[in-house]
């Protein structure tokens, strides 16, 4: 099975918003049938985003959400991360490309247009970049 990298916006849908569209993906991650991967930088970004006042999550909820994701994700050391041959317009999203590139063949699920814009080039390196929550079934 291909490694699955989840952008922060997908993690928000899964763990903060309990978006019904992401329920199958969440269940597959929880039961271990999807090899979801993360790195220190992606974890840091997720922690930063869920702490923003926009989301109105208290510190206890933030910690619970973060701990759940951290306990489920297979973690990879950023210092040993291969650099993807394509650059994302948003530097904060580059880490997700690099992580998917490291674990290719891989699936990167994101709703971020800057990442989705790279999908055709990434496909040549066996990386599917998609906004489809059910792409893990491919």
N, C-alpha and C. Protein backbone atom coordinates (compact mmCIF):
# COMPACT_ATOMS: atom_id res chain seq x y z
N UNK A 1 0.84 -1.19 0.00
CA UNK A 1 0.00 0.00 0.00
C UNK A 1 0.88 1.24 0.00
N UNK A 2 0.44 2.25 -0.73
CA UNK A 2 1.19 3.49 -0.83
C UNK A 2 1.12 4.27 0.48
N UNK A 3 2.24 4.93 0.80
CA UNK A 3 2.25 5.84 1.94
C UNK A 3 1.31 7.00 1.65
N UNK A 4 0.67 7.51 2.68
CA UNK A 4 -0.26 8.62 2.54
C UNK A 4 0.23 9.80 3.38
N UNK A 5 0.38 10.94 2.72
CA UNK A 5 0.76 12.19 3.38
C UNK A 5 -0.48 13.08 3.39
N UNK A 6 -0.77 13.65 4.54
CA UNK A 6 -1.96 14.48 4.69
C UNK A 6 -1.54 15.91 4.98
N UNK A 7 -2.01 16.82 4.13
CA UNK A 7 -1.75 18.24 4.34
C UNK A 7 -2.56 18.69 5.57
N UNK A 8 -2.16 19.80 6.14
CA UNK A 8 -2.80 20.30 7.35
C UNK A 8 -4.30 20.52 7.18
N UNK A 9 -4.72 20.98 6.00
CA UNK A 9 -6.15 21.23 5.82
C UNK A 9 -6.96 19.93 5.88
N UNK A 10 -6.38 18.83 5.48
CA UNK A 10 -7.05 17.53 5.57
C UNK A 10 -7.07 17.07 7.02
N UNK A 11 -5.97 17.28 7.73
CA UNK A 11 -5.93 16.92 9.15
C UNK A 11 -6.97 17.69 9.95
N UNK A 12 -7.17 18.96 9.60
CA UNK A 12 -8.22 19.74 10.26
C UNK A 12 -9.59 19.12 10.02
N UNK A 13 -9.85 18.73 8.78
CA UNK A 13 -11.13 18.10 8.47
C UNK A 13 -11.32 16.81 9.27
N UNK A 14 -10.26 16.05 9.41
CA UNK A 14 -10.35 14.76 10.11
C UNK A 14 -10.47 14.94 11.61
N UNK A 15 -9.56 15.71 12.20
CA UNK A 15 -9.45 15.73 13.66
C UNK A 15 -10.12 16.91 14.35
N UNK A 16 -10.25 18.04 13.69
CA UNK A 16 -10.86 19.21 14.33
C UNK A 16 -12.33 19.38 13.95
N UNK A 17 -12.64 19.16 12.67
CA UNK A 17 -14.00 19.40 12.20
C UNK A 17 -14.85 18.14 12.09
N UNK A 18 -14.22 16.97 12.19
CA UNK A 18 -14.93 15.70 12.01
C UNK A 18 -15.80 15.72 10.76
N UNK A 19 -15.20 16.18 9.67
CA UNK A 19 -15.88 16.28 8.39
C UNK A 19 -16.30 14.89 7.92
N UNK A 20 -17.57 14.73 7.65
CA UNK A 20 -18.11 13.43 7.24
C UNK A 20 -17.42 12.91 5.97
N UNK A 21 -17.01 13.81 5.07
CA UNK A 21 -16.34 13.38 3.84
C UNK A 21 -15.03 12.67 4.13
N UNK A 22 -14.44 12.94 5.28
CA UNK A 22 -13.15 12.36 5.64
C UNK A 22 -13.29 11.17 6.59
N UNK A 23 -14.50 10.73 6.87
CA UNK A 23 -14.70 9.68 7.88
C UNK A 23 -14.05 8.35 7.49
N UNK A 24 -14.13 7.96 6.21
CA UNK A 24 -13.49 6.70 5.79
C UNK A 24 -11.97 6.78 5.92
N UNK A 25 -11.42 7.92 5.57
CA UNK A 25 -9.99 8.12 5.69
C UNK A 25 -9.57 8.06 7.15
N UNK A 26 -10.31 8.75 8.00
CA UNK A 26 -9.98 8.73 9.44
C UNK A 26 -10.02 7.31 9.98
N UNK A 27 -11.07 6.56 9.64
CA UNK A 27 -11.19 5.20 10.13
C UNK A 27 -10.04 4.33 9.65
N UNK A 28 -9.63 4.50 8.40
CA UNK A 28 -8.52 3.72 7.86
C UNK A 28 -7.21 4.07 8.56
N UNK A 29 -7.04 5.33 8.94
CA UNK A 29 -5.84 5.73 9.67
C UNK A 29 -5.87 5.15 11.08
N UNK A 30 -7.01 5.26 11.74
CA UNK A 30 -7.15 4.77 13.11
C UNK A 30 -6.94 3.26 13.18
N UNK A 31 -7.50 2.53 12.21
CA UNK A 31 -7.34 1.07 12.27
C UNK A 31 -6.01 0.58 11.68
N UNK A 32 -5.20 1.50 11.19
CA UNK A 32 -3.86 1.16 10.73
C UNK A 32 -3.79 0.62 9.31
N UNK A 33 -4.89 0.64 8.58
CA UNK A 33 -4.84 0.11 7.22
C UNK A 33 -4.26 1.11 6.22
N UNK A 34 -4.13 2.37 6.62
CA UNK A 34 -3.48 3.39 5.80
C UNK A 34 -2.18 3.80 6.47
N UNK A 35 -1.06 3.65 5.77
CA UNK A 35 0.23 4.06 6.34
C UNK A 35 0.43 5.57 6.22
N UNK A 36 -0.19 6.32 7.13
CA UNK A 36 -0.07 7.78 7.13
C UNK A 36 1.29 8.18 7.69
N UNK A 37 1.96 9.09 7.00
CA UNK A 37 3.29 9.51 7.44
C UNK A 37 3.30 11.00 7.76
N UNK A 38 4.17 11.35 8.69
CA UNK A 38 4.35 12.74 9.10
C UNK A 38 5.83 12.95 9.42
N UNK A 39 6.20 14.19 9.59
CA UNK A 39 7.56 14.52 10.00
C UNK A 39 7.46 15.59 11.08
N UNK A 40 8.58 15.91 11.69
CA UNK A 40 8.58 16.93 12.74
C UNK A 40 8.02 18.25 12.21
N UNK A 41 8.41 18.62 11.00
CA UNK A 41 7.94 19.90 10.45
C UNK A 41 6.44 19.88 10.17
N UNK A 42 5.91 18.76 9.68
CA UNK A 42 4.47 18.71 9.42
C UNK A 42 3.70 18.70 10.74
N UNK A 43 4.25 18.04 11.74
CA UNK A 43 3.61 18.04 13.06
C UNK A 43 3.63 19.45 13.67
N UNK A 44 4.75 20.14 13.52
CA UNK A 44 4.87 21.50 14.04
C UNK A 44 3.84 22.41 13.36
N UNK A 45 3.72 22.29 12.04
CA UNK A 45 2.75 23.12 11.33
C UNK A 45 1.33 22.84 11.81
N UNK A 46 1.00 21.57 11.98
CA UNK A 46 -0.34 21.22 12.44
C UNK A 46 -0.60 21.81 13.83
N UNK A 47 0.37 21.68 14.73
CA UNK A 47 0.21 22.25 16.07
C UNK A 47 0.02 23.76 16.01
N UNK A 48 0.77 24.41 15.14
CA UNK A 48 0.66 25.86 14.99
C UNK A 48 -0.74 26.24 14.47
N UNK A 49 -1.21 25.54 13.47
CA UNK A 49 -2.49 25.88 12.86
C UNK A 49 -3.65 25.66 13.85
N UNK A 50 -3.67 24.54 14.54
CA UNK A 50 -4.80 24.29 15.45
C UNK A 50 -4.79 25.24 16.65
N UNK A 51 -3.66 25.90 16.90
CA UNK A 51 -3.61 26.85 18.02
C UNK A 51 -4.12 28.25 17.64
N UNK A 52 -4.39 28.46 16.38
CA UNK A 52 -4.84 29.79 15.92
C UNK A 52 -6.24 30.10 16.44
N UNK A 53 -6.46 31.35 16.86
CA UNK A 53 -7.77 31.75 17.40
C UNK A 53 -8.93 31.48 16.44
N UNK A 54 -8.68 31.51 15.17
CA UNK A 54 -9.71 31.27 14.16
C UNK A 54 -10.50 29.98 14.45
N UNK A 55 -9.80 28.95 14.95
CA UNK A 55 -10.42 27.64 15.14
C UNK A 55 -11.10 27.49 16.50
N UNK A 56 -10.86 28.42 17.40
CA UNK A 56 -11.54 28.44 18.71
C UNK A 56 -11.42 27.11 19.44
N UNK A 57 -10.23 26.53 19.42
CA UNK A 57 -9.97 25.28 20.13
C UNK A 57 -9.20 25.60 21.41
N UNK A 58 -9.72 25.18 22.54
CA UNK A 58 -9.00 25.44 23.78
C UNK A 58 -7.75 24.55 23.84
N UNK A 59 -6.87 24.85 24.77
CA UNK A 59 -5.58 24.14 24.84
C UNK A 59 -5.74 22.64 25.06
N UNK A 60 -6.72 22.25 25.85
CA UNK A 60 -6.95 20.82 26.10
C UNK A 60 -7.37 20.12 24.81
N UNK A 61 -8.26 20.74 24.06
CA UNK A 61 -8.71 20.17 22.78
C UNK A 61 -7.56 20.13 21.78
N UNK A 62 -6.79 21.20 21.72
CA UNK A 62 -5.63 21.23 20.83
C UNK A 62 -4.69 20.07 21.14
N UNK A 63 -4.39 19.89 22.41
CA UNK A 63 -3.48 18.82 22.82
C UNK A 63 -4.04 17.45 22.45
N UNK A 64 -5.33 17.26 22.67
CA UNK A 64 -5.95 15.96 22.35
C UNK A 64 -5.90 15.68 20.85
N UNK A 65 -6.21 16.69 20.05
CA UNK A 65 -6.17 16.54 18.59
C UNK A 65 -4.74 16.23 18.14
N UNK A 66 -3.80 17.02 18.62
CA UNK A 66 -2.40 16.83 18.23
C UNK A 66 -1.91 15.45 18.66
N UNK A 67 -2.18 15.06 19.89
CA UNK A 67 -1.72 13.77 20.40
C UNK A 67 -2.31 12.61 19.60
N UNK A 68 -3.57 12.75 19.21
CA UNK A 68 -4.18 11.68 18.43
C UNK A 68 -3.46 11.52 17.09
N UNK A 69 -3.24 12.62 16.37
CA UNK A 69 -2.56 12.53 15.09
C UNK A 69 -1.14 12.02 15.27
N UNK A 70 -0.43 12.53 16.24
CA UNK A 70 0.96 12.11 16.46
C UNK A 70 1.04 10.62 16.79
N UNK A 71 0.06 10.10 17.51
CA UNK A 71 0.09 8.68 17.87
C UNK A 71 -0.24 7.77 16.69
N UNK A 72 -0.94 8.30 15.69
CA UNK A 72 -1.35 7.49 14.55
C UNK A 72 -0.37 7.54 13.37
N UNK A 73 0.34 8.64 13.24
CA UNK A 73 1.21 8.84 12.08
C UNK A 73 2.54 8.11 12.25
N UNK A 74 3.00 7.54 11.17
CA UNK A 74 4.36 6.99 11.13
C UNK A 74 5.30 8.17 10.91
N UNK A 75 6.18 8.42 11.86
CA UNK A 75 6.99 9.63 11.82
C UNK A 75 8.34 9.40 11.16
N UNK A 76 8.73 10.39 10.39
CA UNK A 76 9.99 10.34 9.67
C UNK A 76 10.82 11.56 10.05
N UNK A 77 12.09 11.34 10.23
CA UNK A 77 13.01 12.41 10.62
C UNK A 77 13.25 13.36 9.44
N UNK A 78 12.99 14.65 9.66
CA UNK A 78 13.18 15.65 8.60
C UNK A 78 14.62 15.73 8.11
N UNK A 79 15.58 15.42 8.97
CA UNK A 79 16.98 15.56 8.57
C UNK A 79 17.38 14.55 7.51
N UNK A 80 16.60 13.49 7.35
CA UNK A 80 16.89 12.46 6.34
C UNK A 80 15.91 12.51 5.17
N UNK A 81 15.29 13.65 4.97
CA UNK A 81 14.24 13.78 3.97
C UNK A 81 14.80 14.17 2.62
N UNK A 82 14.43 13.41 1.60
CA UNK A 82 14.81 13.76 0.23
C UNK A 82 14.08 15.03 -0.18
N UNK A 83 14.67 15.82 -1.04
CA UNK A 83 14.03 17.04 -1.53
C UNK A 83 13.33 16.75 -2.85
N UNK A 84 12.06 17.11 -2.92
CA UNK A 84 11.31 16.91 -4.15
C UNK A 84 11.89 17.79 -5.25
N UNK A 85 11.83 17.34 -6.50
CA UNK A 85 12.40 18.12 -7.61
C UNK A 85 11.54 19.31 -8.03
N UNK A 86 10.37 19.49 -7.42
CA UNK A 86 9.51 20.61 -7.76
C UNK A 86 9.37 21.49 -6.54
N UNK A 87 9.21 22.78 -6.77
CA UNK A 87 9.07 23.73 -5.67
C UNK A 87 7.63 24.23 -5.64
N UNK A 88 7.08 24.29 -4.45
CA UNK A 88 5.73 24.78 -4.25
C UNK A 88 5.75 26.29 -4.09
N UNK A 89 4.73 26.96 -4.61
CA UNK A 89 4.64 28.41 -4.46
C UNK A 89 4.57 28.81 -3.00
N UNK A 90 3.94 27.99 -2.18
CA UNK A 90 3.83 28.26 -0.75
C UNK A 90 4.93 27.47 -0.03
N UNK A 91 5.96 28.15 0.48
CA UNK A 91 7.07 27.44 1.13
C UNK A 91 6.63 26.56 2.29
N UNK A 92 5.52 26.91 2.96
CA UNK A 92 5.05 26.09 4.07
C UNK A 92 4.55 24.73 3.61
N UNK A 93 4.19 24.61 2.34
CA UNK A 93 3.69 23.35 1.81
C UNK A 93 4.79 22.46 1.23
N UNK A 94 5.98 22.99 1.08
CA UNK A 94 7.07 22.21 0.49
C UNK A 94 7.36 20.94 1.27
N UNK A 95 7.23 21.00 2.59
CA UNK A 95 7.53 19.84 3.41
C UNK A 95 6.62 18.65 3.05
N UNK A 96 5.38 18.93 2.67
CA UNK A 96 4.47 17.85 2.30
C UNK A 96 4.90 17.19 0.98
N UNK A 97 5.36 18.02 0.05
CA UNK A 97 5.90 17.48 -1.21
C UNK A 97 7.13 16.63 -0.95
N UNK A 98 8.03 17.15 -0.12
CA UNK A 98 9.27 16.43 0.18
C UNK A 98 8.97 15.10 0.86
N UNK A 99 8.01 15.11 1.77
CA UNK A 99 7.65 13.88 2.49
C UNK A 99 7.05 12.85 1.52
N UNK A 100 6.16 13.29 0.65
CA UNK A 100 5.59 12.37 -0.34
C UNK A 100 6.67 11.85 -1.28
N UNK A 101 7.60 12.73 -1.67
CA UNK A 101 8.68 12.32 -2.56
C UNK A 101 9.57 11.26 -1.88
N UNK A 102 9.82 11.42 -0.62
CA UNK A 102 10.63 10.47 0.15
C UNK A 102 10.00 9.08 0.14
N UNK A 103 8.68 9.03 0.23
CA UNK A 103 7.98 7.75 0.40
C UNK A 103 7.35 7.23 -0.88
N UNK A 104 7.72 7.79 -2.04
CA UNK A 104 7.10 7.36 -3.28
C UNK A 104 7.30 5.87 -3.52
N UNK A 105 6.30 5.19 -4.05
CA UNK A 105 5.02 5.73 -4.48
C UNK A 105 4.21 6.19 -3.27
N UNK A 106 3.54 7.32 -3.44
CA UNK A 106 2.81 7.91 -2.32
C UNK A 106 1.58 8.66 -2.82
N UNK A 107 0.73 8.96 -1.86
CA UNK A 107 -0.46 9.76 -2.11
C UNK A 107 -0.38 10.96 -1.17
N UNK A 108 -0.53 12.14 -1.72
CA UNK A 108 -0.59 13.37 -0.93
C UNK A 108 -2.00 13.92 -1.07
N UNK A 109 -2.73 13.94 0.04
CA UNK A 109 -4.10 14.44 0.01
C UNK A 109 -4.11 15.85 0.56
N UNK A 110 -4.63 16.77 -0.24
CA UNK A 110 -4.63 18.19 0.11
C UNK A 110 -5.74 18.91 -0.64
N UNK A 111 -6.19 20.00 -0.05
CA UNK A 111 -7.13 20.88 -0.75
C UNK A 111 -6.42 22.16 -1.17
N UNK A 112 -5.13 22.22 -0.97
CA UNK A 112 -4.34 23.42 -1.24
C UNK A 112 -4.03 23.52 -2.74
N UNK A 113 -4.46 24.60 -3.37
CA UNK A 113 -4.25 24.76 -4.81
C UNK A 113 -2.78 24.79 -5.19
N UNK A 114 -1.92 25.31 -4.32
CA UNK A 114 -0.49 25.35 -4.63
C UNK A 114 0.07 23.94 -4.76
N UNK A 115 -0.41 23.00 -3.96
CA UNK A 115 0.02 21.61 -4.07
C UNK A 115 -0.66 20.90 -5.23
N UNK A 116 -1.96 21.12 -5.38
CA UNK A 116 -2.69 20.47 -6.47
C UNK A 116 -2.16 20.89 -7.84
N UNK A 117 -1.62 22.08 -7.92
CA UNK A 117 -1.05 22.60 -9.17
C UNK A 117 0.15 21.76 -9.64
N UNK A 118 0.80 21.08 -8.72
CA UNK A 118 2.00 20.29 -9.03
C UNK A 118 1.65 18.84 -9.37
N UNK A 119 0.39 18.48 -9.29
CA UNK A 119 -0.03 17.08 -9.42
C UNK A 119 0.46 16.39 -10.68
N UNK A 120 0.38 17.04 -11.82
CA UNK A 120 0.77 16.36 -13.07
C UNK A 120 2.28 16.08 -13.09
N UNK A 121 3.06 16.99 -12.58
CA UNK A 121 4.52 16.74 -12.53
C UNK A 121 4.85 15.66 -11.51
N UNK A 122 4.18 15.69 -10.37
CA UNK A 122 4.44 14.69 -9.33
C UNK A 122 4.04 13.29 -9.78
N UNK A 123 3.01 13.20 -10.60
CA UNK A 123 2.55 11.90 -11.08
C UNK A 123 3.64 11.17 -11.85
N UNK A 124 4.53 11.91 -12.49
CA UNK A 124 5.64 11.30 -13.22
C UNK A 124 6.62 10.59 -12.28
N UNK A 125 6.59 10.97 -11.01
CA UNK A 125 7.44 10.33 -10.00
C UNK A 125 6.62 9.44 -9.07
N UNK A 126 5.46 8.99 -9.55
CA UNK A 126 4.60 8.06 -8.83
C UNK A 126 4.06 8.63 -7.52
N UNK A 127 3.70 9.91 -7.58
CA UNK A 127 3.05 10.57 -6.44
C UNK A 127 1.72 11.12 -6.92
N UNK A 128 0.67 10.66 -6.29
CA UNK A 128 -0.67 11.16 -6.59
C UNK A 128 -0.96 12.30 -5.63
N UNK A 129 -1.15 13.50 -6.16
CA UNK A 129 -1.58 14.64 -5.35
C UNK A 129 -3.04 14.88 -5.71
N UNK A 130 -3.90 14.81 -4.71
CA UNK A 130 -5.33 14.86 -4.94
C UNK A 130 -6.06 15.46 -3.75
N UNK A 131 -7.27 15.93 -4.00
CA UNK A 131 -8.14 16.40 -2.91
C UNK A 131 -9.17 15.33 -2.54
N UNK A 132 -9.08 14.16 -3.14
CA UNK A 132 -10.01 13.07 -2.91
C UNK A 132 -9.68 12.35 -1.60
N UNK A 133 -10.57 12.47 -0.62
CA UNK A 133 -10.37 11.83 0.68
C UNK A 133 -10.27 10.32 0.57
N UNK A 134 -10.81 9.74 -0.48
CA UNK A 134 -10.83 8.29 -0.63
C UNK A 134 -9.72 7.78 -1.55
N UNK A 135 -8.77 8.62 -1.88
CA UNK A 135 -7.68 8.21 -2.77
C UNK A 135 -6.83 7.09 -2.16
N UNK A 136 -6.85 6.93 -0.86
CA UNK A 136 -6.09 5.86 -0.22
C UNK A 136 -6.54 4.49 -0.68
N UNK A 137 -7.71 4.40 -1.26
CA UNK A 137 -8.25 3.11 -1.73
C UNK A 137 -7.69 2.72 -3.09
N UNK A 138 -6.99 3.62 -3.76
CA UNK A 138 -6.47 3.34 -5.11
C UNK A 138 -5.33 2.36 -5.07
